Amino acid sequence: MMGRTRSWLREKSRRKRARKLLIAVAVLVFSLPLAWTILASFGIHPDASSWPPRWSTPYLDGYRDVGIAEKDFGAELATSAATSSAATILTVLVGFLASFSLVRSRLRRKGRLAQSFLVLASLPVMAYVIPLNGTITALSLHDTFAGVSLAQAAIFSPFAVYVLFGYLRQVPFDFEEAARLEGASALQTLLRVILPVAAPGIAATAIIVFVLNWNSFLALMVLSTNHVRTIPLAMSDFFIVDRELEWPTAAAALVVSVLPLIAFVAVAHRALERFFLEPTTEAG
């Protein structure tokens, strides 16, 4: 018996080390493009004419050029933060109400219906942008803060419904029954019972949706022109074809654009650590 226990413990230890090694390799592989971009932003590149290759001397000209070209970076940063926040709030609100209604409904095959929202979330952005552009234009909201926020919320709401459905279906129904027995109304039950219990899932969904909104480019390129100018739209100026592309400046622009997002995720990572989602396996 003791021999089997030791063997099981050794096997468990080997599997743990193997998982850590795989995670480390995956992190290294996924970090290589970012590392290359950071090195390129400082003009650091290997000199292939010598052996062993020598690295060039770093300089800050790329970041200086970004500051010269993008004098309105602060305003663009504020616009990105505002539109991403507004769209995220709308998306999470719609997703929470829709997913909770779906979870507590008596519909058959609710799991299949929830999976259809994942299909909607997987559609190309242009499938949403083309009709949304016509709607936003008809409402005289093209290139406005409200129009962009509403359109972004419409694009990412199916994703929020799918994720929150998978989380809310794990919340026991007993909590609601206890609240109703104590005389709580449906709204009180939703706000005082369900919302606190579902807070980790809602927070994690909000973080993911915020990141998606922050990085949105194609939708903003169609739905706005000059007034609503976000960081991705501003950074695209460094890759236009009517001027010579300078990789140090372009790489510096990419680093500058991603720094606020990295800071946000670093601050909000604890909410992601508390989020656990079981896969939806039921068909109904």
Foldseek 3Di string as FASTA:
>chain_A
DVVVVVVVVVVVVVVVVVVVVVVVVVVVVVCVVVVVLVCLLQVWDWDPVDPVTDIDDGHNVLVVVCCVLCVPQVVQAVLLQLLLLLLLVLLLVLLQVLLVCLLPDPDPQSVVVLVVLVVLLPDDPVVQLVVLLVVCVVVVNFQHSVSSSVSLSVNCNSVSNSQLNQVLNPDDPVQVVVCVVVPDDPVCCVVVPSCVVCVLSSLVSSLVSSVVSLCDDPSCVSRHDPNSRHLVNSLCVLVDDPDDRRSNNSSSSVCVSCVVSVVVCVVSVVSVVPDDGDDDDDRD
